[in-house]
């Protein structure tokens, strides 16, 4: 199954988190995303993009909504919900 990053998902589409990509070793942003619940197997949905498709990106996991910068959302690797 193909994967892509959360920042490229269209609004309203429900996807499953595959993993959070570490860009550094250690990566404090990736660790914080995992602490917030961005963990493999969780459903995630983009609610909205900022003005002109820019920052921030509003995402939802369960009943919790988060505002992420585009570079933070790009660390979250997702796959389509089948």
Protein backbone atom coordinates (compact mmCIF):
# COMPACT_ATOMS: atom_id res chain seq x y z
CA UNK A 1 0.00 0.00 0.00
CA UNK A 2 1.42 3.40 -0.92
CA UNK A 3 2.23 6.03 1.68
CA UNK A 4 2.42 9.80 1.50
CA UNK A 5 2.84 12.63 3.97
CA UNK A 6 0.00 14.31 5.82
CA UNK A 7 0.70 17.74 4.32
CA UNK A 8 -0.35 16.45 0.87
CA UNK A 9 -3.65 14.86 1.92
CA UNK A 10 -6.83 16.61 0.75
CA UNK A 11 -9.16 18.08 3.40
CA UNK A 12 -11.81 15.69 4.70
CA UNK A 13 -10.03 12.47 3.68
CA UNK A 14 -9.58 10.02 6.55
CA UNK A 15 -6.19 8.29 6.51
CA UNK A 16 -4.23 5.98 8.80
CA UNK A 17 -0.89 6.98 10.30
CA UNK A 18 1.90 4.70 9.12
CA UNK A 19 4.74 6.32 11.07
CA UNK A 20 6.29 9.65 12.06
CA UNK A 21 9.53 10.35 10.22
CA UNK A 22 12.57 11.50 12.22
CA UNK A 23 14.57 14.15 10.35
CA UNK A 24 17.23 14.45 13.06
CA UNK A 25 18.63 12.07 15.62
CA UNK A 26 17.00 12.68 18.05
CA UNK A 27 14.13 14.65 16.49
CA UNK A 28 12.23 16.59 19.20
CA UNK A 29 9.42 17.57 16.83
CA UNK A 30 8.80 13.98 15.72
CA UNK A 31 8.92 12.86 19.37
CA UNK A 32 6.39 15.54 20.35
CA UNK A 33 4.05 14.51 17.53
CA UNK A 34 4.17 10.92 18.79
CA UNK A 35 3.51 12.16 22.35
CA UNK A 36 0.43 14.02 21.07
CA UNK A 37 -1.02 10.83 19.58
CA UNK A 38 0.38 10.70 16.04
CA UNK A 39 1.12 6.99 16.33
CA UNK A 40 0.86 4.10 13.83
CA UNK A 41 -2.67 2.84 13.27
CA UNK A 42 -4.47 6.03 14.36
CA UNK A 43 -6.97 7.68 12.01
CA UNK A 44 -6.19 11.25 11.03
CA UNK A 45 -8.06 13.79 8.92
CA UNK A 46 -7.15 17.22 7.59
CA UNK A 47 -9.87 19.68 8.55
CA UNK A 48 -8.57 22.77 6.74
CA UNK A 49 -5.52 24.57 5.38
CA UNK A 50 -4.52 28.13 6.24
CA UNK A 51 -5.00 31.01 3.81
CA UNK A 52 -3.97 30.18 0.24
CA UNK A 53 -3.19 26.58 1.27
CA UNK A 54 -0.42 27.68 3.61
CA UNK A 55 0.22 27.35 7.34
CA UNK A 56 -1.29 26.23 9.61
CA UNK A 57 -2.95 22.92 8.74
CA UNK A 58 -5.83 21.90 11.02
CA UNK A 59 -5.86 18.13 11.60
CA UNK A 60 -8.01 15.87 13.73
CA UNK A 61 -7.19 12.65 15.57
CA UNK A 62 -10.26 11.24 17.30
CA UNK A 63 -12.06 14.23 18.81
CA UNK A 64 -8.87 16.29 19.23
CA UNK A 65 -7.84 18.95 16.74
CA UNK A 66 -4.32 20.25 16.22
CA UNK A 67 -2.82 23.09 14.19
CA UNK A 68 0.42 21.97 12.54
CA UNK A 69 2.92 23.79 10.38
CA UNK A 70 3.27 22.26 6.94
CA UNK A 71 6.82 21.02 7.75
CA UNK A 72 5.51 19.29 10.90
CA UNK A 73 2.66 17.63 8.99
CA UNK A 74 5.19 16.42 6.39
CA UNK A 75 6.82 14.28 9.11
CA UNK A 76 3.58 12.27 9.52
CA UNK A 77 3.51 9.48 6.94
CA UNK A 78 0.02 8.18 6.19
CA UNK A 79 -1.78 5.64 4.01
CA UNK A 80 -5.32 5.70 2.68
CA UNK A 81 -8.00 4.18 4.90
CA UNK A 82 -9.29 1.10 3.10
